[in-house]
Amino acid sequence: MNKRVIAVAIVIAVLVIASAAMAVLYLNNGGTKADTAGAISIEDDRGKKVNLTAAPQRIICLGSAFTEIAFDLEAKDRVVAVDKSSEFLLGEGDSITSLGATSSISLEAVMAQDPDLVVIWNFNMYSTFINNMENAGVKVAAFYPKNVTTILHTIAVMGEAIGEKTKADAMVADMQGRIDAIVEKTRDLPESERPKVYLELMSKGGQTVGSGTMSNDLIEMAGGVNIFNNGTGNWMASKESIVEKNPDIIIIEDQSSKTNDDLKATLGPSVTAVANDDIYRIDGSTLTTSPRVVDALENLAKWLHPELFA
């Protein structure tokens, strides 16, 4: 065999070995190109691009809504730490660290978890904390969904960020379908058929809700009229203002220590909701920016229009 033939044989052997090595490396990294194709790029509610080289394996969720989304997307095994508001979602055997209230979490505590991604509320009060994390090299996605539409958007974008886009898209489609089934029946109801609703939030210290809030949107989508939709945000409504507006239905978060009898005694029988015993208690954890917001909508629709949602 001449030298040229030997050289060609050596080159071929080297190429075969290299190809085999690349194949082994490729399979060990997930098996398919789609699984490892690198870059994930999303835009959070700051309008900031968040770029990840792969699906994060160590996620910190600072906000119960984000923790719930991650868990529902079957990424619980990749959540390494959460904030205090998320503790109720943890099971006894979960090896997930609670870092405490977000407002008091230190950068050192975050860095100790070696996170690939931190998901946090896009609140002004957290802006310095977010900047400090990013300056330390931590990838941060900040969201602030304020209504049902932006909740669905947050689920979709967060799902993509954590490498669960397919599951997130399926979840959003299911939620949208349930929402549409309600709105189809309530959209064209005349004002005379829309009950007046007073909603009281224990999670806001007993405050009510005005326009521009997620709860106001839910009341309207369920076919009701919020008696305080002429205001904005949250505030403590006086007894006199509630009596004057005379709600047909009263809804209070179930976690409130105030009983139905307390409400009746305070407002008196001149209020239609009291006279007809139309006082309902809703799980406050569904009145949040998580997938369970549709549960809240379905409950509201059933209470406001039992004839439509038996």
Protein backbone atom coordinates (compact mmCIF):
# COMPACT_ATOMS: atom_id res chain seq x y z
CA MET A 1 0.00 0.00 0.00
CA ASN A 2 1.53 3.31 -1.03
CA LYS A 3 1.82 6.34 1.21
CA ARG A 4 -1.05 8.20 -0.47
CA VAL A 5 -3.53 5.38 0.14
CA ILE A 6 -2.41 5.15 3.77
CA ALA A 7 -2.90 8.91 4.26
CA VAL A 8 -6.42 8.79 2.80
CA ALA A 9 -7.29 5.86 5.05
CA ILE A 10 -6.06 7.76 8.10
CA VAL A 11 -8.14 10.83 7.19
CA ILE A 12 -11.26 8.69 6.74
CA ALA A 13 -10.68 6.96 10.08
CA VAL A 14 -10.27 10.29 11.85
CA LEU A 15 -13.52 11.60 10.32
CA VAL A 16 -15.43 8.46 11.32
CA ILE A 17 -14.19 8.69 14.91
CA ALA A 18 -15.00 12.41 15.10
CA SER A 19 -18.50 11.83 13.74
CA ALA A 20 -19.14 9.09 16.27
CA ALA A 21 -17.95 11.31 19.10
CA MET A 22 -20.22 14.14 17.97
CA ALA A 23 -23.17 11.73 17.79
CA VAL A 24 -22.57 10.54 21.35
CA LEU A 25 -22.29 14.12 22.60
CA TYR A 26 -25.46 15.07 20.70
CA LEU A 27 -27.46 12.18 22.21
CA ASN A 28 -26.21 12.85 25.72
CA ASN A 29 -27.39 16.44 25.41
CA GLY A 30 -31.01 15.59 24.82
CA GLY A 31 -31.34 13.47 21.73
CA THR A 32 -32.86 15.95 19.31
CA LYS A 33 -31.73 19.20 17.85
CA ALA A 34 -34.94 20.91 18.96
CA ASP A 35 -34.26 20.06 22.59
CA THR A 36 -30.82 21.60 22.63
CA ALA A 37 -31.06 24.20 19.94
CA GLY A 38 -29.79 26.71 22.00
CA ALA A 39 -31.09 30.14 22.31
CA ILE A 40 -34.36 31.00 23.97
CA SER A 41 -35.22 34.66 23.59
CA ILE A 42 -38.27 36.33 25.15
CA GLU A 43 -39.33 39.88 25.93
CA ASP A 44 -40.58 40.56 29.45
CA ASP A 45 -42.93 43.29 30.66
CA ARG A 46 -40.07 45.79 30.87
CA GLY A 47 -39.73 45.45 27.12
CA LYS A 48 -36.35 43.85 27.78
CA LYS A 49 -34.98 40.91 25.82
CA VAL A 50 -34.02 37.99 28.02
CA ASN A 51 -31.73 35.54 26.22
CA LEU A 52 -30.99 32.03 27.48
CA THR A 53 -28.67 29.49 25.89
CA ALA A 54 -30.96 26.61 26.91
CA ALA A 55 -34.00 25.80 29.05
CA PRO A 56 -33.15 26.87 32.62
CA GLN A 57 -32.52 24.03 35.04
CA ARG A 58 -32.43 26.16 38.22
CA ILE A 59 -35.38 28.54 38.41
CA ILE A 60 -36.29 30.98 41.18
CA CYS A 61 -39.92 32.16 41.26
CA LEU A 62 -40.52 35.33 43.28
CA GLY A 63 -44.31 35.53 43.20
CA SER A 64 -46.90 32.82 43.85
CA ALA A 65 -48.48 33.34 40.41
CA PHE A 66 -45.16 32.53 38.73
CA THR A 67 -44.55 29.57 41.00
CA GLU A 68 -47.98 28.22 40.17
CA ILE A 69 -47.39 28.66 36.45
CA ALA A 70 -44.07 26.80 36.66
CA PHE A 71 -45.65 23.97 38.64
CA ASP A 72 -48.63 23.71 36.27
CA LEU A 73 -46.21 23.51 33.34
CA GLU A 74 -44.59 20.50 35.04
CA ALA A 75 -41.34 22.34 35.75
CA LYS A 76 -41.54 21.97 39.54
CA ASP A 77 -38.44 19.79 39.60
CA ARG A 78 -36.45 22.72 38.20
CA VAL A 79 -37.69 25.31 40.70
CA VAL A 80 -34.98 25.62 43.36
CA ALA A 81 -36.34 28.55 45.38
CA VAL A 82 -39.45 30.68 45.85
CA ASP A 83 -40.64 33.65 47.87
CA LYS A 84 -42.80 33.64 51.00
CA SER A 85 -46.06 34.14 49.09
CA SER A 86 -45.43 30.82 47.31
CA GLU A 87 -45.00 28.71 50.43
CA PHE A 88 -48.62 27.52 50.39
CA LEU A 89 -47.90 25.76 47.09
CA LEU A 90 -45.08 23.64 48.53
CA GLY A 91 -45.59 20.08 49.72
CA GLU A 92 -44.06 18.56 52.80
CA GLY A 93 -41.41 16.65 50.88
CA ASP A 94 -40.47 19.41 48.45
CA SER A 95 -36.80 20.34 48.49
CA ILE A 96 -37.45 23.92 47.41
CA THR A 97 -35.96 26.77 49.43
CA SER A 98 -38.15 29.63 50.62
CA LEU A 99 -36.16 32.86 50.48
CA GLY A 100 -38.74 34.86 52.45
CA ALA A 101 -40.53 38.03 51.39
CA THR A 102 -39.24 39.35 48.08
CA SER A 103 -38.73 42.83 49.54
CA SER A 104 -36.18 41.46 52.02
CA ILE A 105 -34.32 38.92 49.86
CA SER A 106 -30.62 39.67 49.50
CA LEU A 107 -28.59 39.33 46.34
CA GLU A 108 -26.35 36.88 48.21
CA ALA A 109 -29.34 34.62 48.93
CA VAL A 110 -30.21 34.57 45.25
CA MET A 111 -26.63 33.92 44.14
CA ALA A 112 -26.35 31.04 46.61
CA GLN A 113 -29.03 29.21 44.60
CA ASP A 114 -26.95 29.50 41.41
CA PRO A 115 -30.05 30.27 39.31
CA ASP A 116 -30.31 30.08 35.54
CA LEU A 117 -33.40 32.30 35.66
CA VAL A 118 -35.26 34.43 38.21
CA VAL A 119 -38.91 35.28 37.53
CA ILE A 120 -40.16 38.27 39.51
CA TRP A 121 -42.91 40.92 39.57
CA ASN A 122 -42.13 44.00 37.51
CA PHE A 123 -42.83 46.35 40.42
CA ASN A 124 -41.00 49.65 40.84
CA MET A 125 -40.11 48.64 44.38
CA TYR A 126 -38.06 45.74 42.98
CA SER A 127 -36.23 47.69 40.26
CA THR A 128 -33.00 48.10 42.22
CA PHE A 129 -33.04 44.44 43.23
CA ILE A 130 -33.58 43.42 39.59
CA ASN A 131 -30.73 45.65 38.44
CA ASN A 132 -28.42 44.22 41.09
CA MET A 133 -29.22 40.66 40.04
CA GLU A 134 -28.64 41.44 36.37
CA ASN A 135 -25.38 43.25 37.14
CA ALA A 136 -24.28 40.09 38.95
CA GLY A 137 -24.96 38.07 35.79
CA VAL A 138 -28.35 36.62 36.75
CA LYS A 139 -30.95 36.24 34.02
CA VAL A 140 -34.19 37.94 35.16
CA ALA A 141 -37.66 37.94 33.60
CA ALA A 142 -40.04 40.50 35.14
CA PHE A 143 -43.80 40.44 34.56
CA TYR A 144 -46.78 42.49 35.70
CA PRO A 145 -50.01 41.01 34.30
CA LYS A 146 -52.98 43.19 35.29
CA ASN A 147 -55.95 41.57 33.56
CA VAL A 148 -57.03 38.28 32.04
CA THR A 149 -55.51 39.02 28.64
CA THR A 150 -52.10 39.86 30.08
CA ILE A 151 -52.25 36.81 32.37
CA LEU A 152 -52.55 34.61 29.29
CA HIS A 153 -49.66 36.48 27.68
CA THR A 154 -47.51 36.03 30.79
CA ILE A 155 -48.16 32.28 30.86
CA ALA A 156 -47.20 31.99 27.19
CA VAL A 157 -44.00 34.04 27.52
CA MET A 158 -42.92 32.51 30.83
CA GLY A 159 -43.58 29.04 29.41
CA GLU A 160 -41.28 29.80 26.51
CA ALA A 161 -38.64 31.20 28.86
CA ILE A 162 -38.50 28.02 30.94
CA GLY A 163 -38.47 25.75 27.90
CA GLU A 164 -42.11 24.64 28.11
CA LYS A 165 -43.59 26.55 25.18
CA THR A 166 -45.74 23.66 23.91
CA LYS A 167 -47.32 23.07 27.30
CA ALA A 168 -47.81 26.79 27.87
CA ASP A 169 -49.51 27.25 24.51
CA ALA A 170 -51.84 24.32 25.29
CA MET A 171 -52.65 25.80 28.71
CA VAL A 172 -53.41 29.22 27.23
CA ALA A 173 -55.64 27.66 24.57
CA ASP A 174 -57.59 25.73 27.23
CA MET A 175 -58.00 28.82 29.40
CA GLN A 176 -59.08 30.92 26.43
CA GLY A 177 -61.66 28.30 25.51
CA ARG A 178 -63.16 28.36 29.00
CA ILE A 179 -63.20 32.17 29.00
CA ASP A 180 -64.86 32.30 25.59
CA ALA A 181 -67.57 29.86 26.73
CA ILE A 182 -68.58 32.34 29.44
CA VAL A 183 -68.19 35.59 27.53
CA GLU A 184 -70.26 34.21 24.66
CA LYS A 185 -73.24 33.98 27.01
CA THR A 186 -72.73 37.26 28.87
CA ARG A 187 -71.40 39.62 26.20
CA ASP A 188 -74.77 40.83 24.94
CA LEU A 189 -76.69 40.90 28.21
CA PRO A 190 -78.58 44.19 28.60
CA GLU A 191 -77.79 46.40 31.61
CA SER A 192 -81.11 45.43 33.21
CA GLU A 193 -79.99 41.78 33.37
CA ARG A 194 -76.56 42.47 34.83
CA PRO A 195 -76.61 42.22 38.65
CA LYS A 196 -74.82 44.89 40.67
CA VAL A 197 -71.87 43.38 42.54
CA TYR A 198 -69.88 44.43 45.59
CA LEU A 199 -66.55 42.63 45.95
CA GLU A 200 -64.43 42.78 49.12
CA LEU A 201 -60.85 41.53 49.18
CA MET A 202 -59.33 40.21 52.38
CA SER A 203 -56.01 40.07 50.53
CA LYS A 204 -56.24 43.87 50.26
CA GLY A 205 -57.24 44.36 53.89
CA GLY A 206 -60.96 44.47 53.15
CA GLN A 207 -60.69 46.90 50.25
CA THR A 208 -63.00 46.86 47.26
CA VAL A 209 -62.07 47.17 43.59
CA GLY A 210 -62.54 49.79 40.90
CA SER A 211 -62.06 49.94 37.15
CA GLY A 212 -58.70 48.96 35.76
CA THR A 213 -58.38 46.02 38.15
CA MET A 214 -58.42 42.36 37.24
CA SER A 215 -61.35 41.75 39.62
CA ASN A 216 -63.43 44.43 37.90
CA ASP A 217 -62.71 42.78 34.54
CA LEU A 218 -63.80 39.40 35.93
CA ILE A 219 -67.09 40.83 37.22
CA GLU A 220 -67.85 42.36 33.82
CA MET A 221 -66.86 39.22 31.90
CA ALA A 222 -69.11 37.16 34.19
CA GLY A 223 -72.06 39.39 33.28
CA GLY A 224 -72.19 41.74 36.25
CA VAL A 225 -71.68 45.40 37.07
CA ASN A 226 -69.17 46.41 39.72
CA ILE A 227 -70.93 48.98 41.92
CA PHE A 228 -67.62 50.83 42.31
CA ASN A 229 -66.52 50.83 38.68
CA ASN A 230 -66.53 54.63 38.76
CA GLY A 231 -63.38 54.50 40.88
CA THR A 232 -59.92 53.15 40.11
CA GLY A 233 -57.66 50.75 41.94
CA ASN A 234 -58.46 49.58 45.47
CA TRP A 235 -59.82 51.40 48.52
CA MET A 236 -61.86 50.91 51.66
CA ALA A 237 -65.54 51.42 50.81
CA SER A 238 -67.67 52.95 53.56
CA LYS A 239 -70.79 51.21 54.79
CA GLU A 240 -72.83 54.19 53.64
CA SER A 241 -71.48 54.02 50.07
CA ILE A 242 -72.21 50.28 49.82
CA VAL A 243 -75.76 50.73 51.13
CA GLU A 244 -76.34 53.63 48.75
CA LYS A 245 -75.24 51.62 45.72
CA ASN A 246 -77.36 48.66 46.91
CA PRO A 247 -75.61 45.61 45.41
CA ASP A 248 -77.67 42.63 44.24
CA ILE A 249 -74.78 40.29 45.02
CA ILE A 250 -71.95 40.49 47.54
CA ILE A 251 -68.74 38.49 47.09
CA ILE A 252 -66.09 38.25 49.78
CA GLU A 253 -62.85 36.30 49.83
CA ASP A 254 -63.24 33.08 51.78
CA GLN A 255 -60.04 33.76 53.72
CA SER A 256 -61.65 36.79 55.42
CA SER A 257 -62.43 36.48 59.13
CA LYS A 258 -65.59 38.49 58.45
CA THR A 259 -68.58 36.16 58.26
CA ASN A 260 -71.70 36.50 56.13
CA ASP A 261 -73.63 37.35 59.28
CA ASP A 262 -71.12 40.12 60.02
CA LEU A 263 -71.80 41.63 56.60
CA LYS A 264 -75.54 41.35 57.01
CA ALA A 265 -75.45 43.02 60.42
CA THR A 266 -73.21 45.82 59.14
CA LEU A 267 -75.13 46.61 55.95
CA GLY A 268 -78.69 45.88 57.07
CA PRO A 269 -81.74 44.41 55.31
CA SER A 270 -82.29 47.37 52.99
CA VAL A 271 -79.46 46.03 50.81
CA THR A 272 -80.84 43.65 48.20
CA ALA A 273 -77.99 41.14 48.53
CA VAL A 274 -78.61 40.93 52.29
CA ALA A 275 -82.40 40.63 51.93
CA ASN A 276 -82.04 37.83 49.38
CA ASP A 277 -79.06 36.18 51.10
CA ASP A 278 -77.02 36.52 47.92
CA ILE A 279 -73.62 36.57 49.60
CA TYR A 280 -70.92 34.31 48.17
CA ARG A 281 -67.42 33.48 49.28
CA ILE A 282 -64.65 33.03 46.76
CA ASP A 283 -61.24 31.45 47.19
CA GLY A 284 -58.91 34.45 47.24
CA SER A 285 -56.08 32.43 45.70
CA THR A 286 -58.10 32.25 42.47
CA LEU A 287 -58.34 36.05 42.29
CA THR A 288 -54.72 36.26 41.25
CA THR A 289 -52.65 36.33 38.10
CA SER A 290 -52.31 32.57 37.82
CA PRO A 291 -53.98 29.85 35.71
CA ARG A 292 -56.68 29.57 38.39
CA VAL A 293 -58.09 32.96 37.47
CA VAL A 294 -60.45 31.09 35.12
CA ASP A 295 -61.80 29.20 38.16
CA ALA A 296 -62.70 32.58 39.66
CA LEU A 297 -64.41 33.65 36.45
CA GLU A 298 -66.45 30.45 36.27
CA ASN A 299 -67.56 30.79 39.89
CA LEU A 300 -68.57 34.41 39.39
CA ALA A 301 -70.55 33.53 36.27
CA LYS A 302 -72.38 30.74 38.10
CA TRP A 303 -73.32 33.04 41.02
CA LEU A 304 -74.31 36.00 38.86
CA HIS A 305 -76.21 34.00 36.26
CA PRO A 306 -77.26 30.59 37.57
CA GLU A 307 -79.83 30.42 34.77
CA LEU A 308 -77.03 30.50 32.19
CA PHE A 309 -74.42 28.43 34.03
CA ALA A 310 -76.32 25.71 35.86
